[in-house]
Amino acid sequence: MPKLIRIGQQSEGILDVTVGPLVELWGFGARGRITRAPEAFELAAIRDYVGVDKIALDGNSLRKLEPRVAVDLLHSLPKVMA
């Protein structure tokens, strides 16, 4: 997890374990395709809980700095393990 957070910070969010809500909003997640692009207000609404700056490591524990943050390791781990 420390490596994932560091990569997220160094990549300025390109690899971000908290990006799930954004993926869903654009129609690439489990809910499927969208019929229109997200509105600016919809994108702004999730900005408060997407980003590696919303999580922190305390020793071996991951702490969410914002309660609505969701961490998705499924898509990130293969990139880090390679």
N, C-alpha and C. Protein backbone atom coordinates (compact mmCIF):
# COMPACT_ATOMS: atom_id res chain seq x y z
N MET A 1 0.80 -1.20 0.00
CA MET A 1 0.00 0.00 0.00
C MET A 1 0.85 1.27 0.00
N PRO A 2 1.96 1.32 0.74
CA PRO A 2 2.78 2.53 0.67
C PRO A 2 3.24 2.83 -0.74
N LYS A 3 3.58 1.77 -1.48
CA LYS A 3 4.03 1.97 -2.86
C LYS A 3 2.90 2.53 -3.73
N LEU A 4 1.69 2.05 -3.52
CA LEU A 4 0.54 2.55 -4.30
C LEU A 4 0.28 4.02 -4.02
N ILE A 5 0.36 4.40 -2.76
CA ILE A 5 0.15 5.81 -2.41
C ILE A 5 1.25 6.67 -3.01
N ARG A 6 2.50 6.22 -2.88
CA ARG A 6 3.62 6.98 -3.44
C ARG A 6 3.49 7.13 -4.96
N ILE A 7 3.13 6.05 -5.65
CA ILE A 7 2.97 6.12 -7.10
C ILE A 7 1.82 7.07 -7.46
N GLY A 8 0.74 7.02 -6.70
CA GLY A 8 -0.36 7.95 -6.93
C GLY A 8 0.06 9.39 -6.79
N GLN A 9 0.87 9.68 -5.78
CA GLN A 9 1.36 11.04 -5.57
C GLN A 9 2.33 11.45 -6.67
N GLN A 10 3.27 10.57 -6.99
CA GLN A 10 4.28 10.89 -8.00
C GLN A 10 3.68 11.02 -9.39
N SER A 11 2.62 10.26 -9.66
CA SER A 11 1.99 10.32 -10.98
C SER A 11 0.93 11.41 -11.07
N GLU A 12 0.78 12.17 -9.99
CA GLU A 12 -0.22 13.23 -9.92
C GLU A 12 -1.61 12.70 -10.22
N GLY A 13 -1.90 11.49 -9.70
CA GLY A 13 -3.23 10.92 -9.81
C GLY A 13 -3.48 10.00 -10.99
N ILE A 14 -2.49 9.79 -11.83
CA ILE A 14 -2.70 8.90 -12.97
C ILE A 14 -2.99 7.48 -12.49
N LEU A 15 -2.25 7.03 -11.49
CA LEU A 15 -2.56 5.75 -10.84
C LEU A 15 -3.09 6.09 -9.46
N ASP A 16 -4.38 5.98 -9.28
CA ASP A 16 -5.03 6.42 -8.05
C ASP A 16 -5.99 5.34 -7.57
N VAL A 17 -5.73 4.80 -6.38
CA VAL A 17 -6.56 3.72 -5.85
C VAL A 17 -7.93 4.20 -5.39
N THR A 18 -8.18 5.51 -5.41
CA THR A 18 -9.47 6.04 -4.98
C THR A 18 -10.35 6.48 -6.14
N VAL A 19 -9.98 6.14 -7.35
CA VAL A 19 -10.64 6.67 -8.53
C VAL A 19 -11.98 6.00 -8.88
N GLY A 20 -12.38 4.99 -8.11
CA GLY A 20 -13.61 4.25 -8.40
C GLY A 20 -14.84 5.10 -8.68
N PRO A 21 -15.17 6.08 -7.84
CA PRO A 21 -16.36 6.90 -8.12
C PRO A 21 -16.27 7.64 -9.46
N LEU A 22 -15.09 8.07 -9.83
CA LEU A 22 -14.90 8.74 -11.11
C LEU A 22 -15.09 7.77 -12.27
N VAL A 23 -14.58 6.56 -12.12
CA VAL A 23 -14.74 5.51 -13.13
C VAL A 23 -16.23 5.22 -13.33
N GLU A 24 -16.96 5.10 -12.24
CA GLU A 24 -18.41 4.86 -12.32
C GLU A 24 -19.13 6.02 -13.00
N LEU A 25 -18.76 7.23 -12.64
CA LEU A 25 -19.42 8.41 -13.20
C LEU A 25 -19.26 8.48 -14.72
N TRP A 26 -18.12 8.05 -15.22
CA TRP A 26 -17.86 8.07 -16.66
C TRP A 26 -18.34 6.80 -17.37
N GLY A 27 -18.91 5.85 -16.63
CA GLY A 27 -19.51 4.68 -17.26
C GLY A 27 -18.57 3.53 -17.52
N PHE A 28 -17.42 3.50 -16.86
CA PHE A 28 -16.48 2.41 -17.06
C PHE A 28 -16.50 1.41 -15.91
N GLY A 29 -17.38 1.58 -14.95
CA GLY A 29 -17.43 0.72 -13.78
C GLY A 29 -18.50 -0.36 -13.88
N ALA A 30 -18.82 -0.92 -12.74
CA ALA A 30 -19.78 -2.02 -12.66
C ALA A 30 -21.18 -1.64 -13.10
N ARG A 31 -21.54 -0.38 -12.92
CA ARG A 31 -22.89 0.06 -13.31
C ARG A 31 -23.06 0.16 -14.83
N GLY A 32 -21.96 0.13 -15.56
CA GLY A 32 -22.05 0.09 -17.02
C GLY A 32 -22.03 1.44 -17.70
N ARG A 33 -22.36 1.40 -18.96
CA ARG A 33 -22.26 2.56 -19.84
C ARG A 33 -23.21 3.67 -19.43
N ILE A 34 -22.81 4.87 -19.79
CA ILE A 34 -23.64 6.05 -19.53
C ILE A 34 -24.21 6.55 -20.85
N THR A 35 -25.25 7.34 -20.78
CA THR A 35 -25.87 7.87 -21.99
C THR A 35 -25.48 9.32 -22.26
N ARG A 36 -24.80 9.92 -21.29
CA ARG A 36 -24.35 11.30 -21.47
C ARG A 36 -23.09 11.52 -20.62
N ALA A 37 -22.32 12.51 -21.00
CA ALA A 37 -21.14 12.85 -20.21
C ALA A 37 -21.57 13.45 -18.88
N PRO A 38 -20.79 13.23 -17.84
CA PRO A 38 -21.13 13.82 -16.54
C PRO A 38 -21.13 15.35 -16.61
N GLU A 39 -22.03 15.95 -15.88
CA GLU A 39 -22.08 17.41 -15.77
C GLU A 39 -20.95 17.88 -14.85
N ALA A 40 -20.57 19.12 -15.00
CA ALA A 40 -19.51 19.70 -14.17
C ALA A 40 -19.84 19.59 -12.68
N PHE A 41 -21.10 19.78 -12.32
CA PHE A 41 -21.48 19.70 -10.91
C PHE A 41 -21.35 18.28 -10.37
N GLU A 42 -21.55 17.26 -11.24
CA GLU A 42 -21.39 15.87 -10.81
C GLU A 42 -19.91 15.56 -10.55
N LEU A 43 -19.06 16.05 -11.43
CA LEU A 43 -17.62 15.86 -11.25
C LEU A 43 -17.15 16.59 -10.00
N ALA A 44 -17.63 17.79 -9.78
CA ALA A 44 -17.24 18.56 -8.60
C ALA A 44 -17.71 17.88 -7.32
N ALA A 45 -18.86 17.21 -7.37
CA ALA A 45 -19.43 16.58 -6.18
C ALA A 45 -18.57 15.43 -5.67
N ILE A 46 -17.85 14.74 -6.54
CA ILE A 46 -17.02 13.62 -6.08
C ILE A 46 -15.57 14.03 -5.81
N ARG A 47 -15.22 15.22 -6.16
CA ARG A 47 -13.84 15.69 -5.97
C ARG A 47 -13.40 15.62 -4.50
N ASP A 48 -14.35 15.77 -3.59
CA ASP A 48 -14.03 15.75 -2.17
C ASP A 48 -13.60 14.38 -1.66
N TYR A 49 -13.91 13.32 -2.40
CA TYR A 49 -13.56 11.98 -1.92
C TYR A 49 -12.87 11.11 -2.96
N VAL A 50 -12.19 11.74 -3.91
CA VAL A 50 -11.34 11.04 -4.87
C VAL A 50 -9.97 11.69 -4.85
N GLY A 51 -8.95 10.87 -4.70
CA GLY A 51 -7.58 11.37 -4.70
C GLY A 51 -6.76 10.74 -3.60
N VAL A 52 -5.49 10.46 -3.89
CA VAL A 52 -4.63 9.82 -2.89
C VAL A 52 -4.37 10.73 -1.70
N ASP A 53 -4.67 12.01 -1.84
CA ASP A 53 -4.52 12.91 -0.69
C ASP A 53 -5.64 12.70 0.33
N LYS A 54 -6.59 11.83 0.02
CA LYS A 54 -7.71 11.55 0.93
C LYS A 54 -7.47 10.30 1.78
N ILE A 55 -6.28 9.68 1.64
CA ILE A 55 -5.93 8.51 2.44
C ILE A 55 -4.54 8.72 3.03
N ALA A 56 -4.27 8.01 4.12
CA ALA A 56 -2.96 8.11 4.76
C ALA A 56 -2.61 6.76 5.38
N LEU A 57 -1.33 6.51 5.49
CA LEU A 57 -0.85 5.30 6.15
C LEU A 57 -0.38 5.66 7.55
N ASP A 58 -0.87 4.91 8.51
CA ASP A 58 -0.42 5.02 9.90
C ASP A 58 0.18 3.67 10.26
N GLY A 59 1.48 3.54 10.09
CA GLY A 59 2.13 2.24 10.31
C GLY A 59 1.64 1.26 9.26
N ASN A 60 0.99 0.19 9.71
CA ASN A 60 0.44 -0.80 8.78
C ASN A 60 -1.04 -0.60 8.50
N SER A 61 -1.60 0.50 8.97
CA SER A 61 -3.04 0.75 8.81
C SER A 61 -3.29 1.86 7.81
N LEU A 62 -4.28 1.64 6.98
CA LEU A 62 -4.72 2.65 6.04
C LEU A 62 -5.85 3.45 6.70
N ARG A 63 -5.73 4.75 6.65
CA ARG A 63 -6.74 5.62 7.26
C ARG A 63 -7.36 6.48 6.18
N LYS A 64 -8.69 6.51 6.14
CA LYS A 64 -9.41 7.37 5.20
C LYS A 64 -9.58 8.74 5.86
N LEU A 65 -9.10 9.77 5.20
CA LEU A 65 -9.22 11.12 5.72
C LEU A 65 -10.59 11.71 5.41
N GLU A 66 -11.31 11.07 4.53
CA GLU A 66 -12.67 11.44 4.14
C GLU A 66 -13.48 10.15 4.17
N PRO A 67 -14.56 10.08 4.93
CA PRO A 67 -15.29 8.82 5.10
C PRO A 67 -15.86 8.21 3.81
N ARG A 68 -16.11 9.01 2.80
CA ARG A 68 -16.70 8.49 1.56
C ARG A 68 -15.68 7.89 0.60
N VAL A 69 -14.40 7.95 0.92
CA VAL A 69 -13.35 7.39 0.07
C VAL A 69 -13.53 5.88 -0.06
N ALA A 70 -13.36 5.38 -1.27
CA ALA A 70 -13.37 3.94 -1.53
C ALA A 70 -12.03 3.59 -2.17
N VAL A 71 -11.38 2.55 -1.66
CA VAL A 71 -10.08 2.13 -2.18
C VAL A 71 -10.27 0.87 -3.01
N ASP A 72 -9.76 0.89 -4.22
CA ASP A 72 -9.86 -0.24 -5.14
C ASP A 72 -8.45 -0.69 -5.50
N LEU A 73 -8.06 -1.83 -4.99
CA LEU A 73 -6.72 -2.35 -5.25
C LEU A 73 -6.68 -3.30 -6.44
N LEU A 74 -7.82 -3.76 -6.88
CA LEU A 74 -7.88 -4.76 -7.94
C LEU A 74 -7.15 -4.32 -9.20
N HIS A 75 -7.34 -3.09 -9.62
CA HIS A 75 -6.74 -2.64 -10.87
C HIS A 75 -5.34 -2.08 -10.67
N SER A 76 -5.00 -1.77 -9.45
CA SER A 76 -3.70 -1.15 -9.17
C SER A 76 -2.60 -2.15 -8.88
N LEU A 77 -2.90 -3.21 -8.19
CA LEU A 77 -1.87 -4.16 -7.77
C LEU A 77 -1.08 -4.77 -8.92
N PRO A 78 -1.71 -5.19 -10.02
CA PRO A 78 -0.89 -5.76 -11.10
C PRO A 78 0.15 -4.79 -11.63
N LYS A 79 -0.14 -3.50 -11.65
CA LYS A 79 0.83 -2.51 -12.15
C LYS A 79 2.00 -2.37 -11.19
N VAL A 80 1.72 -2.46 -9.89
CA VAL A 80 2.77 -2.33 -8.90
C VAL A 80 3.60 -3.59 -8.79
N MET A 81 2.97 -4.74 -8.94
CA MET A 81 3.65 -6.02 -8.80
C MET A 81 4.52 -6.34 -10.01
N ALA A 82 4.27 -5.69 -11.15
CA ALA A 82 5.03 -5.99 -12.39
C ALA A 82 6.47 -5.57 -12.29
